[in-house]
């Protein structure tokens, strides 16, 4: 006999708000069955899928990407180590890029980001007359553009 969990049980076990669970279900990321009363009931493997969703969001995957990845998992059983390994093996480079971006952010916390949006005196040195704006909107130097020569 399959034990089904209520939405409050899944919320408590997963640490994810019931409203988020309903949202995930609307997006097709998780599924539930309806009890005679119309209340949602979830099978236990949904807890692993929710853990995957939370982890994937922290890695930086969009909900569309998460849905695509979840579509590669077996619907009739809890994913095993090999299933997870197959999905996550592609994420190393993405995580490395995020780490590098965070390192740049950390190193530049007290510096001008070169987009012309800060009114620090240093911006006159790194971005006089808002030259970075000629390359487009946003923090140009943070997204990889090199400062223009003086």
C-alpha atoms as a PDB file:
ATOM      1  CA  UNK A   1       0.000   0.000   0.000  1.00  0.00           C
ATOM      2  CA  UNK A   2       1.344   3.419  -0.993  1.00  0.00           C
ATOM      3  CA  UNK A   3       1.392   5.997   1.779  1.00  0.00           C
ATOM      4  CA  UNK A   4       0.244   9.399   0.569  1.00  0.00           C
ATOM      5  CA  UNK A   5       1.228  12.609   2.297  1.00  0.00           C
ATOM      6  CA  UNK A   6      -0.887  15.719   2.781  1.00  0.00           C
ATOM      7  CA  UNK A   7       0.340  19.059   1.512  1.00  0.00           C
ATOM      8  CA  UNK A   8       1.085  20.155   5.074  1.00  0.00           C
ATOM      9  CA  UNK A   9       3.166  17.016   5.674  1.00  0.00           C
ATOM     10  CA  UNK A  10       5.104  17.577   2.456  1.00  0.00           C
ATOM     11  CA  UNK A  11       5.603  21.235   3.359  1.00  0.00           C
ATOM     12  CA  UNK A  12       6.879  20.343   6.823  1.00  0.00           C
ATOM     13  CA  UNK A  13       9.185  17.575   5.557  1.00  0.00           C
ATOM     14  CA  UNK A  14      10.568  19.558   2.608  1.00  0.00           C
ATOM     15  CA  UNK A  15      10.779  22.985   4.229  1.00  0.00           C
ATOM     16  CA  UNK A  16       8.901  24.439   1.249  1.00  0.00           C
ATOM     17  CA  UNK A  17       5.754  26.510   1.782  1.00  0.00           C
ATOM     18  CA  UNK A  18       2.443  24.954   0.739  1.00  0.00           C
ATOM     19  CA  UNK A  19       1.893  27.863  -1.654  1.00  0.00           C
ATOM     20  CA  UNK A  20       5.193  27.013  -3.394  1.00  0.00           C
ATOM     21  CA  UNK A  21       4.149  23.355  -3.629  1.00  0.00           C
ATOM     22  CA  UNK A  22       0.909  24.381  -5.328  1.00  0.00           C
ATOM     23  CA  UNK A  23       2.931  26.621  -7.662  1.00  0.00           C
ATOM     24  CA  UNK A  24       5.331  23.776  -8.504  1.00  0.00           C
ATOM     25  CA  UNK A  25       2.339  21.579  -9.251  1.00  0.00           C
ATOM     26  CA  UNK A  26       0.768  24.229 -11.499  1.00  0.00           C
ATOM     27  CA  UNK A  27       4.072  24.371 -13.409  1.00  0.00           C
ATOM     28  CA  UNK A  28       4.108  20.570 -13.763  1.00  0.00           C
ATOM     29  CA  UNK A  29       7.226  20.082 -11.617  1.00  0.00           C
ATOM     30  CA  UNK A  30       5.447  17.818  -9.129  1.00  0.00           C
ATOM     31  CA  UNK A  31       2.167  15.925  -9.148  1.00  0.00           C
ATOM     32  CA  UNK A  32      -0.436  14.973  -6.599  1.00  0.00           C
ATOM     33  CA  UNK A  33      -3.517  12.852  -6.410  1.00  0.00           C
ATOM     34  CA  UNK A  34      -6.817  14.201  -5.181  1.00  0.00           C
ATOM     35  CA  UNK A  35      -8.533  12.628  -2.220  1.00  0.00           C
ATOM     36  CA  UNK A  36     -12.313  12.238  -2.204  1.00  0.00           C
ATOM     37  CA  UNK A  37     -12.466  15.579  -0.415  1.00  0.00           C
ATOM     38  CA  UNK A  38     -10.458  17.236  -3.193  1.00  0.00           C
ATOM     39  CA  UNK A  39      -7.379  17.694  -1.026  1.00  0.00           C
ATOM     40  CA  UNK A  40      -3.964  17.069  -2.535  1.00  0.00           C
ATOM     41  CA  UNK A  41      -2.115  13.887  -1.610  1.00  0.00           C
ATOM     42  CA  UNK A  42       1.506  13.306  -2.594  1.00  0.00           C
ATOM     43  CA  UNK A  43       3.511  10.127  -2.915  1.00  0.00           C
ATOM     44  CA  UNK A  44       6.735   9.972  -0.899  1.00  0.00           C
ATOM     45  CA  UNK A  45       9.075  10.281  -3.931  1.00  0.00           C
ATOM     46  CA  UNK A  46       7.809  13.857  -4.375  1.00  0.00           C
ATOM     47  CA  UNK A  47      10.076  14.804  -1.448  1.00  0.00           C
ATOM     48  CA  UNK A  48      13.157  13.989  -3.545  1.00  0.00           C
ATOM     49  CA  UNK A  49      11.800  15.914  -6.492  1.00  0.00           C
ATOM     50  CA  UNK A  50      11.213  18.939  -4.264  1.00  0.00           C
ATOM     51  CA  UNK A  51      14.740  18.654  -2.857  1.00  0.00           C
ATOM     52  CA  UNK A  52      15.992  18.598  -6.439  1.00  0.00           C
ATOM     53  CA  UNK A  53      13.942  21.706  -7.299  1.00  0.00           C
ATOM     54  CA  UNK A  54      15.309  23.615  -4.301  1.00  0.00           C
ATOM     55  CA  UNK A  55      18.898  22.573  -5.074  1.00  0.00           C
ATOM     56  CA  UNK A  56      18.555  23.354  -8.783  1.00  0.00           C
ATOM     57  CA  UNK A  57      17.185  26.806  -8.019  1.00  0.00           C
ATOM     58  CA  UNK A  58      20.191  27.488  -5.782  1.00  0.00           C
ATOM     59  CA  UNK A  59      22.493  26.384  -8.596  1.00  0.00           C
ATOM     60  CA  UNK A  60      20.749  28.951 -10.774  1.00  0.00           C
ATOM     61  CA  UNK A  61      18.497  26.873 -13.013  1.00  0.00           C
ATOM     62  CA  UNK A  62      15.263  28.475 -14.132  1.00  0.00           C
ATOM     63  CA  UNK A  63      11.971  26.708 -13.468  1.00  0.00           C
ATOM     64  CA  UNK A  64      11.788  25.864 -17.181  1.00  0.00           C
ATOM     65  CA  UNK A  65      15.230  24.222 -17.008  1.00  0.00           C
ATOM     66  CA  UNK A  66      14.248  22.408 -13.824  1.00  0.00           C
ATOM     67  CA  UNK A  67      11.095  21.100 -15.500  1.00  0.00           C
ATOM     68  CA  UNK A  68      13.140  19.865 -18.443  1.00  0.00           C
ATOM     69  CA  UNK A  69      15.580  18.080 -16.126  1.00  0.00           C
ATOM     70  CA  UNK A  70      12.786  16.561 -14.033  1.00  0.00           C
ATOM     71  CA  UNK A  71      11.245  15.262 -17.255  1.00  0.00           C
ATOM     72  CA  UNK A  72      14.313  13.042 -17.619  1.00  0.00           C
ATOM     73  CA  UNK A  73      13.642  11.298 -14.293  1.00  0.00           C
ATOM     74  CA  UNK A  74      11.521   8.179 -13.908  1.00  0.00           C
ATOM     75  CA  UNK A  75       7.939   9.100 -13.042  1.00  0.00           C
ATOM     76  CA  UNK A  76       7.127   5.769 -11.404  1.00  0.00           C
ATOM     77  CA  UNK A  77       9.845   5.613  -8.734  1.00  0.00           C
ATOM     78  CA  UNK A  78      12.092   7.736  -6.592  1.00  0.00           C
ATOM     79  CA  UNK A  79      15.205   8.824  -8.499  1.00  0.00           C
ATOM     80  CA  UNK A  80      18.355   6.989  -7.483  1.00  0.00           C
ATOM     81  CA  UNK A  81      21.977   8.114  -7.217  1.00  0.00           C
ATOM     82  CA  UNK A  82      22.694   7.337 -10.872  1.00  0.00           C
ATOM     83  CA  UNK A  83      19.672   9.394 -11.986  1.00  0.00           C
ATOM     84  CA  UNK A  84      20.840  12.400  -9.949  1.00  0.00           C
ATOM     85  CA  UNK A  85      24.441  12.010 -11.083  1.00  0.00           C
ATOM     86  CA  UNK A  86      23.397  12.022 -14.725  1.00  0.00           C
ATOM     87  CA  UNK A  87      21.476  15.274 -14.273  1.00  0.00           C
ATOM     88  CA  UNK A  88      23.961  17.141 -12.118  1.00  0.00           C
ATOM     89  CA  UNK A  89      27.118  16.267 -14.062  1.00  0.00           C
ATOM     90  CA  UNK A  90      26.483  19.176 -16.457  1.00  0.00           C
ATOM     91  CA  UNK A  91      26.242  21.750 -13.708  1.00  0.00           C
ATOM     92  CA  UNK A  92      29.895  21.985 -12.677  1.00  0.00           C
ATOM     93  CA  UNK A  93      30.737  24.669 -15.216  1.00  0.00           C
ATOM     94  CA  UNK A  94      27.634  26.638 -14.284  1.00  0.00           C
ATOM     95  CA  UNK A  95      28.584  26.518 -10.601  1.00  0.00           C
ATOM     96  CA  UNK A  96      32.169  27.526 -11.457  1.00  0.00           C
ATOM     97  CA  UNK A  97      30.858  30.567 -13.362  1.00  0.00           C
ATOM     98  CA  UNK A  98      28.695  31.586 -10.403  1.00  0.00           C
ATOM     99  CA  UNK A  99      31.636  31.200  -8.017  1.00  0.00           C
ATOM    100  CA  UNK A 100      33.791  33.383 -10.281  1.00  0.00           C
ATOM    101  CA  UNK A 101      31.029  35.994 -10.470  1.00  0.00           C
ATOM    102  CA  UNK A 102      30.653  36.020  -6.690  1.00  0.00           C
ATOM    103  CA  UNK A 103      34.434  36.352  -6.284  1.00  0.00           C
ATOM    104  CA  UNK A 104      34.399  39.389  -8.601  1.00  0.00           C
ATOM    105  CA  UNK A 105      31.517  40.828  -6.618  1.00  0.00           C
ATOM    106  CA  UNK A 106      33.325  40.254  -3.330  1.00  0.00           C
ATOM    107  CA  UNK A 107      36.531  41.849  -4.638  1.00  0.00           C
ATOM    108  CA  UNK A 108      34.658  44.861  -5.968  1.00  0.00           C
ATOM    109  CA  UNK A 109      32.362  45.622  -3.059  1.00  0.00           C
ATOM    110  CA  UNK A 110      34.098  48.941  -2.413  1.00  0.00           C
ATOM    111  CA  UNK A 111      34.884  49.764  -6.058  1.00  0.00           C
ATOM    112  CA  UNK A 112      32.855  51.351  -8.810  1.00  0.00           C
ATOM    113  CA  UNK A 113      31.152  48.696 -10.936  1.00  0.00           C
ATOM    114  CA  UNK A 114      31.676  50.783 -14.048  1.00  0.00           C
ATOM    115  CA  UNK A 115      28.102  51.136 -15.165  1.00  0.00           C
ATOM    116  CA  UNK A 116      27.664  54.806 -14.323  1.00  0.00           C
ATOM    117  CA  UNK A 117      24.974  54.076 -11.755  1.00  0.00           C
ATOM    118  CA  UNK A 118      27.071  54.842  -8.684  1.00  0.00           C
ATOM    119  CA  UNK A 119      28.057  58.336  -7.629  1.00  0.00           C
ATOM    120  CA  UNK A 120      31.396  57.412  -6.120  1.00  0.00           C
ATOM    121  CA  UNK A 121      34.326  59.693  -6.789  1.00  0.00           C
ATOM    122  CA  UNK A 122      36.246  56.658  -8.109  1.00  0.00           C
ATOM    123  CA  UNK A 123      33.802  56.318 -10.978  1.00  0.00           C
ATOM    124  CA  UNK A 124      35.415  59.370 -12.528  1.00  0.00           C
ATOM    125  CA  UNK A 125      38.557  57.266 -12.852  1.00  0.00           C
ATOM    126  CA  UNK A 126      37.064  53.967 -13.976  1.00  0.00           C
ATOM    127  CA  UNK A 127      34.189  55.333 -16.052  1.00  0.00           C
ATOM    128  CA  UNK A 128      34.623  59.052 -16.852  1.00  0.00           C
ATOM    129  CA  UNK A 129      31.630  60.596 -18.626  1.00  0.00           C
ATOM    130  CA  UNK A 130      29.840  57.240 -18.288  1.00  0.00           C
ATOM    131  CA  UNK A 131      31.781  55.702 -21.206  1.00  0.00           C
ATOM    132  CA  UNK A 132      30.575  52.224 -20.198  1.00  0.00           C
ATOM    133  CA  UNK A 133      27.033  53.226 -21.196  1.00  0.00           C
ATOM    134  CA  UNK A 134      28.108  53.189 -24.842  1.00  0.00           C
ATOM    135  CA  UNK A 135      28.346  49.395 -24.586  1.00  0.00           C
ATOM    136  CA  UNK A 136      24.790  48.926 -23.376  1.00  0.00           C
ATOM    137  CA  UNK A 137      22.659  48.918 -20.266  1.00  0.00           C
ATOM    138  CA  UNK A 138      23.589  47.396 -16.942  1.00  0.00           C
ATOM    139  CA  UNK A 139      26.852  46.826 -15.098  1.00  0.00           C
ATOM    140  CA  UNK A 140      29.021  46.450 -18.194  1.00  0.00           C
ATOM    141  CA  UNK A 141      32.291  45.655 -16.431  1.00  0.00           C
ATOM    142  CA  UNK A 142      30.659  43.017 -14.232  1.00  0.00           C
ATOM    143  CA  UNK A 143      29.231  41.168 -17.187  1.00  0.00           C
ATOM    144  CA  UNK A 144      32.622  40.890 -18.814  1.00  0.00           C
ATOM    145  CA  UNK A 145      33.250  44.092 -20.766  1.00  0.00           C
ATOM    146  CA  UNK A 146      36.709  45.560 -20.298  1.00  0.00           C
ATOM    147  CA  UNK A 147      37.042  49.213 -19.280  1.00  0.00           C
ATOM    148  CA  UNK A 148      37.653  51.578 -22.173  1.00  0.00           C
ATOM    149  CA  UNK A 149      41.086  53.196 -22.271  1.00  0.00           C
ATOM    150  CA  UNK A 150      41.515  56.663 -20.752  1.00  0.00           C
END
